[in-house]
């Protein structure tokens, strides 16, 4: 099993001011991210303001795709013993909140 860690090529946009912290977090989670939160202050999340979204990380694993001739003759060369393709294992991102109220 081979693992690699790389940054996402296109980082999610910083949320619009009208979007709440909870909506931002929910949208990132719905996009498949594990969201790491750091905050200043102790106000409830409903009262927090997103100050930054940063450090998107994607962890991939190389998986071997084996060559098999199907019933219609599709497939590669006889020398094709499979190829490695990246498979996303996890995605994480950091969200900073101002909860000073």
N, C-alpha and C. Protein backbone atom coordinates (compact mmCIF):
# COMPACT_ATOMS: atom_id res chain seq x y z
N UNK A 1 0.85 -1.16 0.00
CA UNK A 1 0.00 0.00 0.00
C UNK A 1 0.90 1.23 0.00
N UNK A 2 0.67 2.14 -0.92
CA UNK A 2 1.43 3.37 -1.01
C UNK A 2 0.54 4.53 -0.61
N UNK A 3 1.06 5.44 0.20
CA UNK A 3 0.29 6.61 0.62
C UNK A 3 1.00 7.87 0.18
N UNK A 4 0.22 8.86 -0.18
CA UNK A 4 0.80 10.16 -0.46
C UNK A 4 -0.11 11.23 0.12
N UNK A 5 0.49 12.32 0.50
CA UNK A 5 -0.27 13.44 1.04
C UNK A 5 0.00 14.63 0.15
N UNK A 6 -1.07 15.29 -0.28
CA UNK A 6 -0.89 16.45 -1.14
C UNK A 6 -1.98 17.46 -0.88
N UNK A 7 -1.73 18.67 -1.25
CA UNK A 7 -2.73 19.72 -1.09
C UNK A 7 -3.73 19.63 -2.23
N UNK A 8 -4.94 19.99 -1.94
CA UNK A 8 -5.97 20.05 -2.97
C UNK A 8 -5.57 21.15 -3.95
N UNK A 9 -5.75 20.93 -5.22
CA UNK A 9 -5.32 21.91 -6.21
C UNK A 9 -6.15 23.18 -6.15
N UNK A 10 -7.43 23.05 -5.88
CA UNK A 10 -8.28 24.22 -5.79
C UNK A 10 -8.87 24.25 -4.39
N UNK A 11 -8.48 25.22 -3.61
CA UNK A 11 -8.97 25.33 -2.23
C UNK A 11 -10.39 25.86 -2.25
N UNK A 12 -11.21 25.41 -1.28
CA UNK A 12 -12.56 25.94 -1.20
C UNK A 12 -12.52 27.45 -0.98
N UNK A 13 -13.48 28.12 -1.54
CA UNK A 13 -13.53 29.58 -1.40
C UNK A 13 -13.85 29.96 0.03
N UNK A 14 -13.35 31.10 0.45
CA UNK A 14 -13.71 31.61 1.78
C UNK A 14 -15.20 31.91 1.75
N UNK A 15 -15.93 31.49 2.77
CA UNK A 15 -17.38 31.61 2.75
C UNK A 15 -17.86 33.05 2.67
N UNK A 16 -19.02 33.22 2.07
CA UNK A 16 -19.65 34.54 2.00
C UNK A 16 -20.03 34.97 3.40
N UNK A 17 -20.03 36.27 3.65
CA UNK A 17 -20.33 36.79 4.98
C UNK A 17 -21.72 36.37 5.47
N UNK A 18 -22.66 36.15 4.56
CA UNK A 18 -24.01 35.79 4.95
C UNK A 18 -24.08 34.35 5.47
N UNK A 19 -23.08 33.55 5.19
CA UNK A 19 -23.08 32.16 5.62
C UNK A 19 -22.58 32.07 7.06
N UNK A 20 -23.31 31.34 7.89
CA UNK A 20 -22.91 31.20 9.29
C UNK A 20 -21.77 30.20 9.41
N UNK A 21 -21.14 30.18 10.58
CA UNK A 21 -20.07 29.22 10.84
C UNK A 21 -20.60 27.79 10.71
N UNK A 22 -21.79 27.55 11.24
CA UNK A 22 -22.37 26.21 11.16
C UNK A 22 -22.64 25.81 9.71
N UNK A 23 -23.10 26.75 8.88
CA UNK A 23 -23.34 26.45 7.47
C UNK A 23 -22.04 26.17 6.73
N UNK A 24 -21.00 26.93 7.04
CA UNK A 24 -19.70 26.72 6.42
C UNK A 24 -19.17 25.34 6.76
N UNK A 25 -19.22 24.99 8.04
CA UNK A 25 -18.74 23.68 8.50
C UNK A 25 -19.54 22.56 7.85
N UNK A 26 -20.87 22.71 7.82
CA UNK A 26 -21.73 21.69 7.22
C UNK A 26 -21.44 21.51 5.73
N UNK A 27 -21.21 22.62 5.02
CA UNK A 27 -20.92 22.54 3.59
C UNK A 27 -19.60 21.82 3.33
N UNK A 28 -18.59 22.11 4.14
CA UNK A 28 -17.30 21.44 3.98
C UNK A 28 -17.41 19.95 4.30
N UNK A 29 -18.16 19.61 5.35
CA UNK A 29 -18.36 18.19 5.68
C UNK A 29 -19.14 17.49 4.57
N UNK A 30 -20.14 18.16 4.00
CA UNK A 30 -20.90 17.57 2.90
C UNK A 30 -20.03 17.34 1.67
N UNK A 31 -18.98 18.15 1.52
CA UNK A 31 -18.04 17.99 0.41
C UNK A 31 -17.01 16.90 0.69
N UNK A 32 -17.11 16.25 1.84
CA UNK A 32 -16.23 15.13 2.16
C UNK A 32 -15.05 15.45 3.05
N UNK A 33 -14.99 16.66 3.58
CA UNK A 33 -13.88 17.05 4.45
C UNK A 33 -14.14 16.69 5.90
N UNK A 34 -13.07 16.33 6.61
CA UNK A 34 -13.07 16.33 8.06
C UNK A 34 -12.63 17.74 8.43
N UNK A 35 -13.45 18.44 9.21
CA UNK A 35 -13.20 19.85 9.50
C UNK A 35 -12.54 19.99 10.87
N UNK A 36 -11.36 20.60 10.90
CA UNK A 36 -10.65 20.90 12.14
C UNK A 36 -10.93 22.36 12.47
N UNK A 37 -11.43 22.60 13.68
CA UNK A 37 -11.85 23.95 14.07
C UNK A 37 -10.92 24.50 15.13
N UNK A 38 -10.47 25.75 14.93
CA UNK A 38 -9.81 26.48 16.00
C UNK A 38 -10.59 27.77 16.19
N UNK A 39 -10.70 28.18 17.44
CA UNK A 39 -11.55 29.32 17.73
C UNK A 39 -10.97 30.22 18.79
N UNK A 40 -11.38 31.48 18.74
CA UNK A 40 -11.05 32.46 19.77
C UNK A 40 -12.37 32.83 20.43
N UNK A 41 -12.43 32.72 21.75
CA UNK A 41 -13.65 33.07 22.47
C UNK A 41 -14.46 31.84 22.84
N UNK A 42 -15.52 32.07 23.61
CA UNK A 42 -16.31 30.96 24.13
C UNK A 42 -17.79 31.05 23.78
N UNK A 43 -18.16 31.94 22.86
CA UNK A 43 -19.56 32.04 22.45
C UNK A 43 -19.98 30.75 21.76
N UNK A 44 -21.28 30.44 21.75
CA UNK A 44 -21.76 29.25 21.04
C UNK A 44 -21.46 29.36 19.54
N UNK A 45 -21.36 28.22 18.87
CA UNK A 45 -21.04 28.21 17.44
C UNK A 45 -22.00 29.06 16.62
N UNK A 46 -23.25 29.13 17.04
CA UNK A 46 -24.25 29.92 16.31
C UNK A 46 -23.87 31.40 16.24
N UNK A 47 -23.03 31.86 17.18
CA UNK A 47 -22.65 33.27 17.23
C UNK A 47 -21.24 33.53 16.68
N UNK A 48 -20.58 32.49 16.22
CA UNK A 48 -19.20 32.63 15.73
C UNK A 48 -19.18 33.10 14.28
N UNK A 49 -18.07 33.74 13.92
CA UNK A 49 -17.83 34.22 12.56
C UNK A 49 -16.60 33.51 12.02
N UNK A 50 -16.70 33.01 10.79
CA UNK A 50 -15.56 32.35 10.15
C UNK A 50 -14.55 33.42 9.74
N UNK A 51 -13.31 33.26 10.21
CA UNK A 51 -12.26 34.21 9.84
C UNK A 51 -11.34 33.66 8.76
N UNK A 52 -11.24 32.34 8.65
CA UNK A 52 -10.45 31.75 7.55
C UNK A 52 -10.78 30.28 7.36
N UNK A 53 -10.58 29.84 6.13
CA UNK A 53 -10.68 28.43 5.75
C UNK A 53 -9.35 28.14 5.07
N UNK A 54 -8.59 27.17 5.60
CA UNK A 54 -7.23 26.98 5.10
C UNK A 54 -6.76 25.54 5.23
N UNK A 55 -5.61 25.29 4.68
CA UNK A 55 -4.89 24.02 4.77
C UNK A 55 -5.69 22.81 4.30
N UNK A 56 -6.29 22.87 3.12
CA UNK A 56 -6.96 21.65 2.64
C UNK A 56 -5.92 20.57 2.36
N UNK A 57 -6.17 19.38 2.86
CA UNK A 57 -5.26 18.26 2.67
C UNK A 57 -6.04 17.07 2.13
N UNK A 58 -5.44 16.37 1.19
CA UNK A 58 -6.04 15.14 0.66
C UNK A 58 -5.01 14.03 0.82
N UNK A 59 -5.43 12.93 1.41
CA UNK A 59 -4.56 11.76 1.54
C UNK A 59 -5.06 10.74 0.53
N UNK A 60 -4.15 10.30 -0.33
CA UNK A 60 -4.52 9.31 -1.34
C UNK A 60 -3.72 8.03 -1.13
N UNK A 61 -4.26 6.97 -1.65
CA UNK A 61 -3.61 5.66 -1.62
C UNK A 61 -3.58 5.16 -3.05
N UNK A 62 -2.47 4.62 -3.47
CA UNK A 62 -2.40 4.06 -4.81
C UNK A 62 -2.97 2.64 -4.78
N UNK A 63 -3.95 2.41 -5.63
CA UNK A 63 -4.58 1.09 -5.71
C UNK A 63 -4.30 0.50 -7.09
N UNK A 64 -4.03 -0.77 -7.12
CA UNK A 64 -3.74 -1.44 -8.38
C UNK A 64 -5.06 -1.86 -9.03
N UNK A 65 -5.21 -1.49 -10.29
CA UNK A 65 -6.37 -1.91 -11.08
C UNK A 65 -5.88 -3.02 -11.99
N UNK A 66 -6.39 -4.20 -11.77
CA UNK A 66 -5.93 -5.36 -12.53
C UNK A 66 -6.53 -5.37 -13.93
N UNK A 67 -5.79 -5.90 -14.85
CA UNK A 67 -6.22 -6.02 -16.24
C UNK A 67 -6.98 -7.33 -16.40
N UNK A 68 -8.17 -7.23 -16.95
CA UNK A 68 -8.96 -8.43 -17.27
C UNK A 68 -9.64 -8.20 -18.61
N UNK A 69 -9.47 -9.14 -19.52
CA UNK A 69 -10.21 -9.04 -20.77
C UNK A 69 -11.65 -9.41 -20.48
N UNK A 70 -12.54 -8.53 -20.84
CA UNK A 70 -13.96 -8.77 -20.62
C UNK A 70 -14.55 -9.59 -21.75
N UNK A 71 -15.84 -9.81 -21.70
CA UNK A 71 -16.50 -10.64 -22.72
C UNK A 71 -16.46 -10.00 -24.11
N UNK A 72 -16.17 -8.71 -24.18
CA UNK A 72 -16.13 -8.02 -25.46
C UNK A 72 -14.71 -7.71 -25.91
N UNK A 73 -13.72 -8.28 -25.22
CA UNK A 73 -12.34 -8.12 -25.62
C UNK A 73 -11.70 -6.81 -25.20
N UNK A 74 -12.34 -6.06 -24.31
CA UNK A 74 -11.74 -4.81 -23.84
C UNK A 74 -10.60 -5.13 -22.90
N UNK A 75 -9.60 -4.31 -22.90
CA UNK A 75 -8.48 -4.50 -22.00
C UNK A 75 -7.21 -3.98 -22.64
N UNK A 76 -6.11 -4.15 -21.92
CA UNK A 76 -4.84 -3.63 -22.40
C UNK A 76 -4.02 -4.71 -23.06
N UNK A 77 -2.73 -4.46 -23.13
CA UNK A 77 -1.80 -5.42 -23.72
C UNK A 77 -1.70 -6.65 -22.83
N UNK A 78 -1.15 -7.71 -23.43
CA UNK A 78 -0.92 -8.91 -22.63
C UNK A 78 0.10 -8.66 -21.53
N UNK A 79 0.97 -7.64 -21.72
CA UNK A 79 1.98 -7.32 -20.72
C UNK A 79 1.42 -6.45 -19.59
N UNK A 80 0.17 -6.04 -19.69
CA UNK A 80 -0.43 -5.16 -18.69
C UNK A 80 -0.78 -5.97 -17.45
N UNK A 81 -0.02 -5.75 -16.37
CA UNK A 81 -0.27 -6.48 -15.13
C UNK A 81 -1.01 -5.62 -14.13
N UNK A 82 -1.67 -4.62 -14.60
CA UNK A 82 -2.40 -3.70 -13.72
C UNK A 82 -1.70 -2.36 -13.68
N UNK A 83 -2.46 -1.36 -13.31
CA UNK A 83 -1.87 -0.03 -13.19
C UNK A 83 -2.29 0.56 -11.85
N UNK A 84 -1.53 1.51 -11.39
CA UNK A 84 -1.83 2.16 -10.12
C UNK A 84 -2.63 3.43 -10.37
N UNK A 85 -3.71 3.58 -9.61
CA UNK A 85 -4.52 4.79 -9.70
C UNK A 85 -4.68 5.36 -8.30
N UNK A 86 -4.66 6.69 -8.15
CA UNK A 86 -4.84 7.28 -6.83
C UNK A 86 -6.30 7.20 -6.39
N UNK A 87 -6.50 6.82 -5.14
CA UNK A 87 -7.83 6.75 -4.53
C UNK A 87 -7.80 7.64 -3.30
N UNK A 88 -8.75 8.56 -3.18
CA UNK A 88 -8.80 9.45 -2.02
C UNK A 88 -9.21 8.65 -0.79
N UNK A 89 -8.38 8.72 0.25
CA UNK A 89 -8.64 8.02 1.50
C UNK A 89 -9.29 8.97 2.51
N UNK A 90 -8.79 10.21 2.56
CA UNK A 90 -9.39 11.19 3.47
C UNK A 90 -9.07 12.60 3.00
N UNK A 91 -9.92 13.54 3.46
CA UNK A 91 -9.73 14.96 3.16
C UNK A 91 -9.96 15.73 4.45
N UNK A 92 -9.10 16.70 4.73
CA UNK A 92 -9.29 17.52 5.93
C UNK A 92 -9.04 18.98 5.58
N UNK A 93 -9.59 19.86 6.41
CA UNK A 93 -9.45 21.30 6.21
C UNK A 93 -9.59 21.98 7.56
N UNK A 94 -8.97 23.13 7.72
CA UNK A 94 -9.04 23.88 8.98
C UNK A 94 -9.92 25.11 8.80
N UNK A 95 -10.74 25.37 9.82
CA UNK A 95 -11.61 26.54 9.84
C UNK A 95 -11.33 27.30 11.13
N UNK A 96 -11.04 28.60 11.00
CA UNK A 96 -10.82 29.45 12.18
C UNK A 96 -12.08 30.26 12.43
N UNK A 97 -12.46 30.34 13.72
CA UNK A 97 -13.67 31.05 14.11
C UNK A 97 -13.36 32.13 15.13
N UNK A 98 -14.06 33.24 15.03
CA UNK A 98 -14.03 34.28 16.06
C UNK A 98 -15.32 34.13 16.85
N UNK A 99 -15.20 33.66 18.07
CA UNK A 99 -16.36 33.43 18.94
C UNK A 99 -16.29 34.35 20.16
N UNK A 100 -15.68 35.51 19.98
CA UNK A 100 -15.50 36.44 21.10
C UNK A 100 -16.81 37.13 21.47
N UNK A 101 -17.77 37.07 20.56
CA UNK A 101 -19.10 37.62 20.84
C UNK A 101 -19.09 39.06 20.89
